[in-house]
């Protein structure tokens, strides 16, 4: 079961004026399941996004990038689960475009004003005809319905919401995400959509989505596999009545950025908490590096190590595996004699070896917890970075072995 992750409270997921949600049952992978989500956007909405860096990126990623680059205002997003439409070549692109065209015709907009997104099995033809047939029959939805409609192997829907004062106006920020496996940067390691009713300039919105992704979704890993379909979109409807926030705005940008970041971090952590088969949620913090990139490099070496992750599943304080991961992280001039390694509040290693005061029962106490922090002090600079991950259990293998069943 997910680690300390609760069902979102529907009553606390605030609507975002200018964004209308609807879901449909298309039978993409199985019958009688809401597997299509449509977000219809008011004309004044601005949209910015970041996408996977996997070279085998999916057809909807290719089209979404192109449609965003066209400069036309985006009027709708259409998301399907059950099929990734990846590894499908030109045929996949044509099917994705046909879905965009069908929704565009219904809404009375241009095809370039619709962004497609898909998640599910790779290398399978997308049943575009079923999705197109379902579009006119979609039902009005709220944000929890939307989060449920994009789930694949997720056990729990992922949604959260905030309200904050920006330039004297109450601004709403609400987001959803999906992801439980094939989770690793770059980019956002899943599908994520955050909407706000704030008025934000296009340049500021793009800057914000990139920065927020680097502080949230690009700080989570489940299994070290970067998906073909990763997409993170930030939508600003402009209906809150605040003065337009530009990239160089002295007022407003920082306040909105921080709340969007907090929403994204909560969603990113929810992905790790709901990692396939997860029983433990781990925070890995690396401090005292030359720069943040170096710290993330060490943190990810720990967080994606199968030996580390299986030890945490077993609650086994076989903590030499942590040292090994730090050592092979690729920091060639790392002085291990200056390094300190903590498990929560327990100093495990210092001065290049085991802390003389470390006791196995102290490590065991921490390893028995459902949430654990690994802290590494490199003691070679001022930079730091944090990533989030989960353990590897028997169920991770079972889920992925049976994924297409």
Protein backbone atom coordinates (compact mmCIF):
# COMPACT_ATOMS: atom_id res chain seq x y z
CA UNK A 1 0.00 0.00 0.00
CA UNK A 2 1.10 3.62 -0.47
CA UNK A 3 3.33 4.93 2.31
CA UNK A 4 1.43 7.46 4.46
CA UNK A 5 -0.53 8.66 1.42
CA UNK A 6 -4.20 9.45 1.87
CA UNK A 7 -7.08 9.76 -0.57
CA UNK A 8 -7.32 13.44 -1.56
CA UNK A 9 -10.16 15.35 0.07
CA UNK A 10 -12.53 16.26 -2.75
CA UNK A 11 -13.87 19.24 -0.83
CA UNK A 12 -10.38 20.76 -0.53
CA UNK A 13 -9.53 20.55 -4.23
CA UNK A 14 -10.49 24.05 -5.32
CA UNK A 15 -11.90 24.66 -8.82
CA UNK A 16 -9.75 26.87 -11.03
CA UNK A 17 -11.85 29.46 -12.91
CA UNK A 18 -11.15 29.22 -16.62
CA UNK A 19 -10.42 25.46 -16.55
CA UNK A 20 -13.31 23.04 -17.15
CA UNK A 21 -12.81 19.31 -16.58
CA UNK A 22 -14.55 16.31 -18.11
CA UNK A 23 -13.95 12.55 -18.16
CA UNK A 24 -15.07 9.73 -20.41
CA UNK A 25 -14.98 5.95 -20.74
CA UNK A 26 -13.29 4.96 -24.00
CA UNK A 27 -12.29 1.37 -23.22
CA UNK A 28 -8.67 2.08 -24.16
CA UNK A 29 -7.38 -0.90 -22.16
CA UNK A 30 -10.40 -2.11 -20.22
CA UNK A 31 -14.14 -1.49 -20.32
CA UNK A 32 -16.16 0.59 -17.87
CA UNK A 33 -13.23 2.66 -16.66
CA UNK A 34 -12.85 6.42 -16.88
CA UNK A 35 -9.73 6.59 -19.02
CA UNK A 36 -10.00 9.89 -20.90
CA UNK A 37 -9.66 13.36 -19.40
CA UNK A 38 -10.34 16.65 -21.17
CA UNK A 39 -9.33 20.03 -19.78
CA UNK A 40 -11.09 22.82 -21.69
CA UNK A 41 -9.34 26.17 -21.30
CA UNK A 42 -10.81 29.65 -21.52
CA UNK A 43 -9.47 31.84 -24.35
CA UNK A 44 -7.21 33.91 -22.08
CA UNK A 45 -5.37 30.89 -20.64
CA UNK A 46 -1.61 30.62 -21.08
CA UNK A 47 0.16 27.26 -21.04
CA UNK A 48 3.80 26.26 -20.57
CA UNK A 49 5.36 22.83 -20.29
CA UNK A 50 8.40 20.63 -20.00
CA UNK A 51 8.70 17.14 -21.42
CA UNK A 52 10.72 13.94 -21.31
CA UNK A 53 14.28 13.88 -22.63
CA UNK A 54 13.89 10.25 -23.67
CA UNK A 55 14.86 10.17 -27.35
CA UNK A 56 12.12 7.60 -27.98
CA UNK A 57 9.51 10.10 -26.89
CA UNK A 58 5.86 9.32 -27.50
CA UNK A 59 3.70 10.67 -30.33
CA UNK A 60 1.68 12.97 -28.01
CA UNK A 61 4.89 14.50 -26.67
CA UNK A 62 6.01 15.31 -30.23
CA UNK A 63 2.65 16.87 -31.06
CA UNK A 64 2.34 18.80 -27.78
CA UNK A 65 5.77 20.34 -28.28
CA UNK A 66 4.87 21.34 -31.83
CA UNK A 67 1.48 22.75 -30.88
CA UNK A 68 2.97 24.81 -28.05
CA UNK A 69 5.64 26.11 -30.43
CA UNK A 70 2.98 27.23 -32.93
CA UNK A 71 2.24 30.22 -30.71
CA UNK A 72 -1.52 29.73 -30.87
CA UNK A 73 -3.39 29.93 -27.55
CA UNK A 74 -3.99 26.45 -26.17
CA UNK A 75 -7.71 25.77 -25.68
CA UNK A 76 -7.79 22.14 -24.57
CA UNK A 77 -5.78 19.18 -23.26
CA UNK A 78 -6.85 15.59 -23.90
CA UNK A 79 -5.32 12.78 -21.84
CA UNK A 80 -5.78 9.04 -22.16
CA UNK A 81 -4.57 6.24 -19.93
CA UNK A 82 -4.10 2.58 -20.85
CA UNK A 83 -1.92 3.19 -23.91
CA UNK A 84 1.24 5.32 -24.19
CA UNK A 85 1.16 5.76 -27.98
CA UNK A 86 4.95 5.47 -27.83
CA UNK A 87 7.14 3.48 -30.17
CA UNK A 88 4.37 3.81 -32.75
CA UNK A 89 6.07 5.94 -35.41
CA UNK A 90 4.17 8.03 -37.94
CA UNK A 91 1.01 5.98 -37.44
CA UNK A 92 0.99 6.96 -33.76
CA UNK A 93 1.43 10.62 -34.62
CA UNK A 94 -1.48 10.46 -37.05
CA UNK A 95 -3.70 8.85 -34.43
CA UNK A 96 -2.81 11.49 -31.83
CA UNK A 97 -3.46 14.24 -34.36
CA UNK A 98 -6.84 12.69 -35.25
CA UNK A 99 -7.88 12.88 -31.59
CA UNK A 100 -6.78 16.53 -31.42
CA UNK A 101 -8.68 17.28 -34.64
CA UNK A 102 -11.87 15.66 -33.34
CA UNK A 103 -11.80 17.63 -30.11
CA UNK A 104 -10.83 20.83 -31.93
CA UNK A 105 -13.80 20.47 -34.28
CA UNK A 106 -16.17 19.97 -31.34
CA UNK A 107 -14.81 23.02 -29.54
CA UNK A 108 -14.55 25.19 -32.66
CA UNK A 109 -10.80 25.76 -32.40
CA UNK A 110 -7.75 24.89 -34.50
CA UNK A 111 -6.09 21.49 -34.14
CA UNK A 112 -2.87 23.19 -32.98
CA UNK A 113 -4.80 24.56 -30.01
CA UNK A 114 -5.25 21.06 -28.53
CA UNK A 115 -2.48 19.23 -26.65
CA UNK A 116 -2.57 15.40 -26.44
CA UNK A 117 -1.14 13.26 -23.63
CA UNK A 118 -1.02 9.49 -23.21
CA UNK A 119 0.16 7.01 -20.60
CA UNK A 120 0.21 3.23 -20.46
CA UNK A 121 1.69 0.39 -22.49
CA UNK A 122 4.45 1.22 -25.00
CA UNK A 123 4.62 -0.24 -28.54
CA UNK A 124 0.88 -0.79 -28.87
CA UNK A 125 -1.35 1.00 -31.43
CA UNK A 126 -3.53 3.66 -29.81
CA UNK A 127 -7.27 2.94 -30.29
CA UNK A 128 -7.92 6.48 -31.44
CA UNK A 129 -11.35 5.60 -32.82
CA UNK A 130 -12.59 4.63 -29.34
CA UNK A 131 -11.24 7.84 -27.81
CA UNK A 132 -12.79 9.98 -30.55
CA UNK A 133 -16.12 8.21 -30.09
CA UNK A 134 -16.01 8.91 -26.35
CA UNK A 135 -15.23 12.63 -26.63
CA UNK A 136 -18.80 13.84 -27.24
CA UNK A 137 -20.13 11.72 -24.33
CA UNK A 138 -17.75 12.96 -21.65
CA UNK A 139 -19.14 13.94 -18.26
CA UNK A 140 -18.40 17.03 -16.15
CA UNK A 141 -15.74 16.27 -13.54
CA UNK A 142 -13.89 17.78 -10.60
CA UNK A 143 -10.16 17.56 -9.86
CA UNK A 144 -10.41 14.25 -7.99
CA UNK A 145 -12.28 12.70 -10.92
CA UNK A 146 -9.54 14.05 -13.18
CA UNK A 147 -6.77 12.54 -11.04
CA UNK A 148 -8.50 9.15 -11.06
CA UNK A 149 -9.00 9.22 -14.84
CA UNK A 150 -5.24 9.38 -15.57
CA UNK A 151 -4.09 6.58 -13.23
CA UNK A 152 -2.30 3.49 -14.54
CA UNK A 153 -0.61 1.31 -11.90
CA UNK A 154 -1.22 4.04 -9.30
CA UNK A 155 -3.08 2.79 -6.25
CA UNK A 156 -4.02 6.27 -5.08
CA UNK A 157 -5.05 9.36 -7.09
CA UNK A 158 -2.68 12.29 -6.66
CA UNK A 159 -4.20 15.75 -6.30
CA UNK A 160 -3.69 18.78 -4.10
CA UNK A 161 -4.71 22.43 -3.92
CA UNK A 162 -3.68 25.73 -2.34
CA UNK A 163 -4.90 29.31 -2.15
CA UNK A 164 -2.63 32.28 -1.57
CA UNK A 165 -2.78 36.08 -1.68
CA UNK A 166 -0.92 37.51 -4.69
CA UNK A 167 -0.90 41.26 -5.27
CA UNK A 168 -3.96 41.63 -3.06
CA UNK A 169 -5.98 38.93 -4.85
CA UNK A 170 -6.83 35.37 -3.75
CA UNK A 171 -5.18 33.00 -6.20
CA UNK A 172 -5.97 29.29 -6.53
CA UNK A 173 -3.42 26.64 -7.49
CA UNK A 174 -4.65 23.06 -8.03
CA UNK A 175 -2.70 20.14 -9.48
CA UNK A 176 -2.92 16.46 -10.33
CA UNK A 177 -0.33 13.89 -11.32
CA UNK A 178 -0.02 10.22 -12.14
CA UNK A 179 2.95 7.95 -11.74
CA UNK A 180 4.06 4.88 -9.83
CA UNK A 181 6.60 3.15 -12.06
CA UNK A 182 9.01 4.06 -14.87
CA UNK A 183 9.82 7.08 -12.73
CA UNK A 184 13.13 8.92 -13.12
CA UNK A 185 14.21 12.29 -14.59
CA UNK A 186 14.62 13.89 -16.96
CA UNK A 187 12.02 15.44 -17.35
CA UNK A 188 9.11 15.25 -15.05
CA UNK A 189 8.95 11.48 -14.66
CA UNK A 190 5.14 11.26 -15.09
CA UNK A 191 2.12 13.23 -16.22
CA UNK A 192 1.46 16.33 -14.16
CA UNK A 193 -0.95 19.21 -14.64
CA UNK A 194 -1.09 22.27 -12.40
CA UNK A 195 -3.54 25.11 -13.01
CA UNK A 196 -3.87 28.53 -11.45
CA UNK A 197 -6.28 31.40 -12.02
CA UNK A 198 -3.43 33.91 -11.66
CA UNK A 199 -2.58 36.18 -14.58
CA UNK A 200 0.97 35.22 -15.58
CA UNK A 201 2.91 36.32 -18.66
CA UNK A 202 4.06 33.61 -21.05
CA UNK A 203 7.79 34.08 -20.41
CA UNK A 204 7.27 34.03 -16.65
CA UNK A 205 5.08 30.93 -16.92
CA UNK A 206 7.73 29.03 -18.90
CA UNK A 207 10.43 30.08 -16.46
CA UNK A 208 8.27 28.98 -13.56
CA UNK A 209 7.41 25.54 -14.96
CA UNK A 210 11.07 24.75 -15.62
CA UNK A 211 12.23 25.91 -12.20
CA UNK A 212 9.41 24.14 -10.38
CA UNK A 213 10.06 20.89 -12.27
CA UNK A 214 13.72 20.98 -11.23
CA UNK A 215 12.73 21.39 -7.58
CA UNK A 216 10.00 18.74 -7.55
CA UNK A 217 9.37 16.18 -10.27
CA UNK A 218 13.04 16.11 -11.24
CA UNK A 219 13.84 15.13 -7.65
CA UNK A 220 11.96 11.83 -7.52
CA UNK A 221 12.85 8.33 -8.67
CA UNK A 222 11.14 4.97 -8.28
CA UNK A 223 13.12 2.67 -10.52
CA UNK A 224 15.62 4.70 -12.57
CA UNK A 225 13.63 4.38 -15.82
CA UNK A 226 12.83 7.64 -17.60
CA UNK A 227 9.48 7.34 -19.36
CA UNK A 228 8.79 8.04 -23.03
CA UNK A 229 5.75 10.15 -22.11
CA UNK A 230 6.80 12.44 -19.23
CA UNK A 231 5.01 15.79 -19.38
CA UNK A 232 4.41 18.59 -16.88
CA UNK A 233 2.08 21.45 -17.82
CA UNK A 234 1.42 24.70 -15.99
CA UNK A 235 -1.77 26.56 -16.90
CA UNK A 236 -2.62 30.16 -15.95
CA UNK A 237 -6.17 31.24 -16.71
CA UNK A 238 -5.76 34.91 -15.74
CA UNK A 239 -9.14 35.12 -14.00
CA UNK A 240 -7.98 35.97 -10.45
CA UNK A 241 -7.86 39.70 -11.25
CA UNK A 242 -4.24 40.22 -10.20
CA UNK A 243 -1.84 42.45 -12.11
CA UNK A 244 -0.02 40.40 -14.74
CA UNK A 245 3.02 38.66 -13.29
CA UNK A 246 6.06 38.92 -15.55
CA UNK A 247 9.40 37.16 -15.23
CA UNK A 248 10.97 40.28 -13.74
CA UNK A 249 8.00 41.22 -11.53
CA UNK A 250 9.17 42.40 -8.14
CA UNK A 251 5.77 41.58 -6.68
CA UNK A 252 3.82 38.42 -7.23
CA UNK A 253 6.25 36.10 -8.99
CA UNK A 254 7.97 34.76 -5.87
CA UNK A 255 4.69 34.25 -4.00
CA UNK A 256 3.08 32.34 -6.87
CA UNK A 257 6.26 30.40 -7.65
CA UNK A 258 6.50 29.16 -4.07
CA UNK A 259 2.93 27.88 -3.89
CA UNK A 260 3.18 26.21 -7.32
CA UNK A 261 6.44 24.61 -6.15
CA UNK A 262 4.81 23.37 -2.95
CA UNK A 263 1.94 21.81 -4.91
CA UNK A 264 4.42 20.15 -7.27
CA UNK A 265 6.57 18.83 -4.41
CA UNK A 266 3.53 17.28 -2.73
CA UNK A 267 2.56 15.59 -6.01
CA UNK A 268 6.13 14.42 -6.64
CA UNK A 269 6.42 12.94 -3.16
CA UNK A 270 3.05 11.25 -3.64
CA UNK A 271 4.50 9.47 -6.68
CA UNK A 272 7.34 8.03 -4.60
CA UNK A 273 4.95 7.15 -1.75
CA UNK A 274 2.78 5.31 -4.29
CA UNK A 275 5.72 3.71 -6.09
CA UNK A 276 4.92 0.27 -7.43
CA UNK A 277 5.00 -2.10 -4.47
CA UNK A 278 6.39 0.57 -2.12
CA UNK A 279 6.51 -0.08 1.63
CA UNK A 280 9.03 2.64 2.56
CA UNK A 281 9.38 6.32 1.60
CA UNK A 282 12.94 7.62 1.67
CA UNK A 283 14.32 11.15 1.58
CA UNK A 284 17.94 11.35 0.45
CA UNK A 285 19.68 14.63 1.24
CA UNK A 286 23.26 15.41 0.21
CA UNK A 287 24.91 18.45 1.76
CA UNK A 288 28.25 20.20 1.47
CA UNK A 289 28.86 19.67 -2.23
CA UNK A 290 30.64 21.93 -4.71
CA UNK A 291 27.34 22.51 -6.54
CA UNK A 292 23.75 21.24 -6.60
CA UNK A 293 24.36 19.03 -9.64
CA UNK A 294 27.08 17.15 -7.76
CA UNK A 295 24.81 16.68 -4.76
CA UNK A 296 21.96 15.35 -6.92
CA UNK A 297 24.41 12.97 -8.62
CA UNK A 298 25.28 11.40 -5.27
CA UNK A 299 21.67 11.42 -4.07
CA UNK A 300 20.46 9.62 -7.18
CA UNK A 301 23.22 7.03 -6.95
CA UNK A 302 21.77 6.09 -3.56
CA UNK A 303 18.10 6.47 -4.47
CA UNK A 304 18.17 4.29 -7.58
CA UNK A 305 20.43 1.52 -6.25
CA UNK A 306 18.56 -1.82 -6.25
CA UNK A 307 20.79 -3.06 -3.42
CA UNK A 308 19.97 -0.02 -1.29
CA UNK A 309 16.25 -0.21 -2.10
CA UNK A 310 15.96 -3.92 -1.32
CA UNK A 311 17.82 -3.45 1.98
CA UNK A 312 15.30 -0.80 2.98
CA UNK A 313 12.42 -3.11 2.03
CA UNK A 314 13.89 -5.78 4.30
CA UNK A 315 14.53 -3.23 7.10
CA UNK A 316 18.10 -4.52 6.99
CA UNK A 317 20.73 -2.00 8.19
CA UNK A 318 23.23 -3.24 5.60
CA UNK A 319 24.46 0.32 5.34
CA UNK A 320 27.70 -0.42 3.51
CA UNK A 321 25.51 -0.39 0.40
CA UNK A 322 25.00 3.34 0.94
CA UNK A 323 28.76 3.94 1.03
CA UNK A 324 29.23 1.88 -2.13
CA UNK A 325 26.61 3.95 -3.97
CA UNK A 326 28.24 7.19 -2.87
CA UNK A 327 31.59 5.87 -4.05
CA UNK A 328 30.42 4.99 -7.56
CA UNK A 329 28.36 8.16 -8.04
CA UNK A 330 31.07 9.59 -10.30
CA UNK A 331 32.65 12.29 -8.11
CA UNK A 332 36.23 11.51 -9.06
CA UNK A 333 37.92 13.80 -6.54
CA UNK A 334 35.66 12.89 -3.60
CA UNK A 335 37.60 12.63 -0.34
CA UNK A 336 35.76 9.86 1.49
CA UNK A 337 37.71 10.54 4.67
CA UNK A 338 35.81 13.84 5.03
CA UNK A 339 32.38 12.32 4.50
CA UNK A 340 29.66 11.82 7.13
CA UNK A 341 26.68 9.49 6.63
CA UNK A 342 23.53 9.68 8.75
CA UNK A 343 20.44 7.49 8.91
CA UNK A 344 17.89 9.90 10.38
CA UNK A 345 19.67 11.08 13.55
CA UNK A 346 22.14 8.19 13.66
CA UNK A 347 25.73 8.89 12.55
CA UNK A 348 26.67 5.71 10.69
CA UNK A 349 30.01 6.53 9.06
CA UNK A 350 32.64 9.22 9.50
CA UNK A 351 36.33 9.66 8.75
CA UNK A 352 36.24 7.13 5.94
CA UNK A 353 34.72 4.28 7.94
CA UNK A 354 32.18 3.09 10.48
CA UNK A 355 31.44 5.50 13.31
CA UNK A 356 32.98 3.88 16.39
CA UNK A 357 29.89 4.82 18.40
CA UNK A 358 27.42 3.36 15.86
CA UNK A 359 25.32 0.49 17.18
CA UNK A 360 23.40 -1.94 14.98
CA UNK A 361 20.27 -1.56 17.11
CA UNK A 362 20.24 2.19 16.36
CA UNK A 363 20.31 1.51 12.64
CA UNK A 364 17.65 -1.16 13.03
CA UNK A 365 15.38 1.26 14.87
CA UNK A 366 15.45 3.66 11.93
CA UNK A 367 15.16 0.95 9.27
CA UNK A 368 11.94 -0.31 10.84
CA UNK A 369 10.23 3.04 10.16
CA UNK A 370 7.98 3.59 7.11
CA UNK A 371 9.71 6.94 6.43
CA UNK A 372 13.48 7.28 6.55
CA UNK A 373 15.97 10.07 5.82
CA UNK A 374 19.45 9.34 4.49
CA UNK A 375 21.75 12.34 4.95
CA UNK A 376 25.20 12.59 3.39
CA UNK A 377 27.61 15.40 4.28
CA UNK A 378 30.33 15.68 1.64
CA UNK A 379 32.03 18.54 3.51
CA UNK A 380 33.52 20.06 0.35
CA UNK A 381 31.27 23.06 -0.33
CA UNK A 382 27.99 24.82 0.45
CA UNK A 383 25.55 23.23 -2.03
CA UNK A 384 22.84 20.70 -1.20
CA UNK A 385 20.10 18.69 -2.90
CA UNK A 386 17.26 16.38 -1.90
CA UNK A 387 15.58 13.56 -3.81
CA UNK A 388 12.74 11.23 -2.86
CA UNK A 389 12.39 7.53 -3.55
CA UNK A 390 10.87 4.29 -2.29
CA UNK A 391 12.02 0.74 -1.67
CA UNK A 392 11.88 -2.29 -3.97
CA UNK A 393 9.52 -5.01 -2.76
CA UNK A 394 8.38 -8.34 -4.16
CA UNK A 395 5.30 -6.56 -5.46
CA UNK A 396 7.40 -4.28 -7.71
CA UNK A 397 8.48 -7.36 -9.69
CA UNK A 398 4.97 -8.81 -9.71
CA UNK A 399 3.35 -5.58 -10.92
CA UNK A 400 5.81 -5.12 -13.77
CA UNK A 401 5.84 -8.79 -14.71
CA UNK A 402 2.05 -8.68 -15.07
CA UNK A 403 1.81 -5.14 -16.50
CA UNK A 404 0.24 -6.14 -19.83
CA UNK A 405 -2.03 -8.82 -18.38
